[in-house]
Amino acid sequence: MYTIVSILILFLISIFGVLLYFKSKKDRQSTLDDGTCPRCGETYRTFKDENTNTTFRVDVIKSRVLKNHGCSGITEIEYRCNSCGLKEVHNSVGQGCGL
């Protein structure tokens, strides 16, 4: 009886651990999409040209598409931080064709 209960508890702990991992990975991707580095906390900088009243935005996070798997497939995006050198690859689902 104790074995069944302990196996059930270990199974539930492993399921919650996997769900926590995917939640933290999704949170990191949303932080990177917002333009903030999760490691160093650096965010975008803005500069204003006083002569022309133009505001310039310098992004710290650079993103590029590694692979695009069609209209309904996933897109692999690489994020790089210019400040600390962080490099992460995340998947984005269902961006569409843009027709």
Protein backbone atom coordinates (compact mmCIF):
# COMPACT_ATOMS: atom_id res chain seq x y z
CA MET A 1 0.00 0.00 0.00
CA TYR A 2 2.81 2.40 0.87
CA THR A 3 4.48 1.71 -2.46
CA ILE A 4 1.39 2.69 -4.43
CA VAL A 5 0.98 5.91 -2.45
CA SER A 6 4.66 6.81 -2.80
CA ILE A 7 4.64 6.10 -6.54
CA LEU A 8 1.53 8.27 -6.93
CA ILE A 9 3.16 11.11 -4.97
CA LEU A 10 6.35 10.88 -7.06
CA PHE A 11 4.28 10.86 -10.25
CA LEU A 12 2.39 14.00 -9.19
CA ILE A 13 5.62 15.77 -8.20
CA SER A 14 7.16 14.99 -11.60
CA ILE A 15 4.06 16.25 -13.45
CA PHE A 16 4.08 19.51 -11.48
CA GLY A 17 7.83 19.86 -12.09
CA VAL A 18 7.39 19.55 -15.86
CA LEU A 19 4.52 22.05 -15.84
CA LEU A 20 6.60 24.50 -13.79
CA TYR A 21 9.48 24.15 -16.29
CA PHE A 22 7.25 24.97 -19.26
CA LYS A 23 5.70 27.93 -17.43
CA SER A 24 9.11 29.40 -16.60
CA LYS A 25 10.27 28.90 -20.19
CA LYS A 26 7.17 30.69 -21.50
CA ASP A 27 7.72 33.53 -19.03
CA ARG A 28 11.33 33.93 -20.21
CA GLN A 29 10.18 34.09 -23.83
CA SER A 30 7.58 36.74 -23.05
CA THR A 31 10.22 38.76 -21.18
CA LEU A 32 12.51 38.53 -24.21
CA ASP A 33 9.66 39.53 -26.53
CA ASP A 34 9.06 42.62 -24.39
CA GLY A 35 12.70 43.66 -24.88
CA THR A 36 14.08 42.92 -21.41
CA CYS A 37 16.96 40.55 -20.77
CA PRO A 38 16.05 37.96 -18.10
CA ARG A 39 19.69 37.53 -17.00
CA CYS A 40 20.99 41.10 -16.64
CA GLY A 41 17.68 43.02 -16.52
CA GLU A 42 18.75 45.46 -19.25
CA THR A 43 15.91 46.97 -21.25
CA TYR A 44 15.65 49.18 -24.33
CA ARG A 45 17.02 52.73 -24.26
CA THR A 46 15.42 55.80 -25.80
CA PHE A 47 17.15 58.90 -27.06
CA LYS A 48 15.52 62.13 -28.16
CA ASP A 49 16.97 64.41 -30.82
CA GLU A 50 16.28 67.95 -29.66
CA ASN A 51 16.68 69.47 -33.13
CA THR A 52 14.02 67.39 -34.88
CA ASN A 53 12.00 66.18 -31.84
CA THR A 54 12.52 62.57 -32.93
CA THR A 55 12.69 59.77 -30.38
CA PHE A 56 15.02 56.86 -31.16
CA ARG A 57 14.73 53.45 -29.52
CA VAL A 58 17.79 51.20 -29.18
CA ASP A 59 16.84 47.59 -28.45
CA VAL A 60 19.09 45.47 -26.26
CA ILE A 61 17.52 42.20 -27.43
CA LYS A 62 18.08 41.26 -31.07
CA SER A 63 15.92 38.50 -32.50
CA ARG A 64 16.20 36.58 -35.74
CA VAL A 65 14.28 33.71 -37.29
CA LEU A 66 16.30 30.51 -37.53
CA LYS A 67 13.68 28.25 -39.12
CA ASN A 68 10.17 28.88 -40.35
CA HIS A 69 8.16 25.69 -40.85
CA GLY A 70 5.38 27.01 -43.07
CA CYS A 71 2.06 28.71 -42.43
CA SER A 72 0.77 26.51 -39.64
CA GLY A 73 4.10 25.25 -38.31
CA ILE A 74 6.39 26.52 -35.60
CA THR A 75 8.96 29.27 -35.96
CA GLU A 76 12.31 28.98 -34.21
CA ILE A 77 13.54 32.38 -33.01
CA GLU A 78 16.99 33.17 -31.60
CA TYR A 79 17.25 35.98 -29.03
CA ARG A 80 20.58 37.69 -28.26
CA CYS A 81 21.34 40.28 -25.59
CA ASN A 82 23.89 42.89 -26.61
CA SER A 83 24.67 43.74 -23.00
CA CYS A 84 25.53 40.39 -21.39
CA GLY A 85 25.76 38.05 -24.41
CA LEU A 86 22.77 35.87 -23.52
CA LYS A 87 21.68 33.61 -26.39
CA GLU A 88 18.44 31.60 -26.27
CA VAL A 89 16.34 29.79 -28.88
CA HIS A 90 12.56 29.60 -28.41
CA ASN A 91 9.67 28.25 -30.49
CA SER A 92 6.70 30.34 -31.52
CA VAL A 93 3.54 28.61 -32.73
CA GLY A 94 1.12 29.68 -35.46
CA GLN A 95 2.33 33.01 -36.80
CA GLY A 96 0.45 32.43 -40.06
CA CYS A 97 1.42 33.20 -43.62
CA GLY A 98 0.59 36.88 -43.61
CA LEU A 99 -1.37 36.72 -46.85
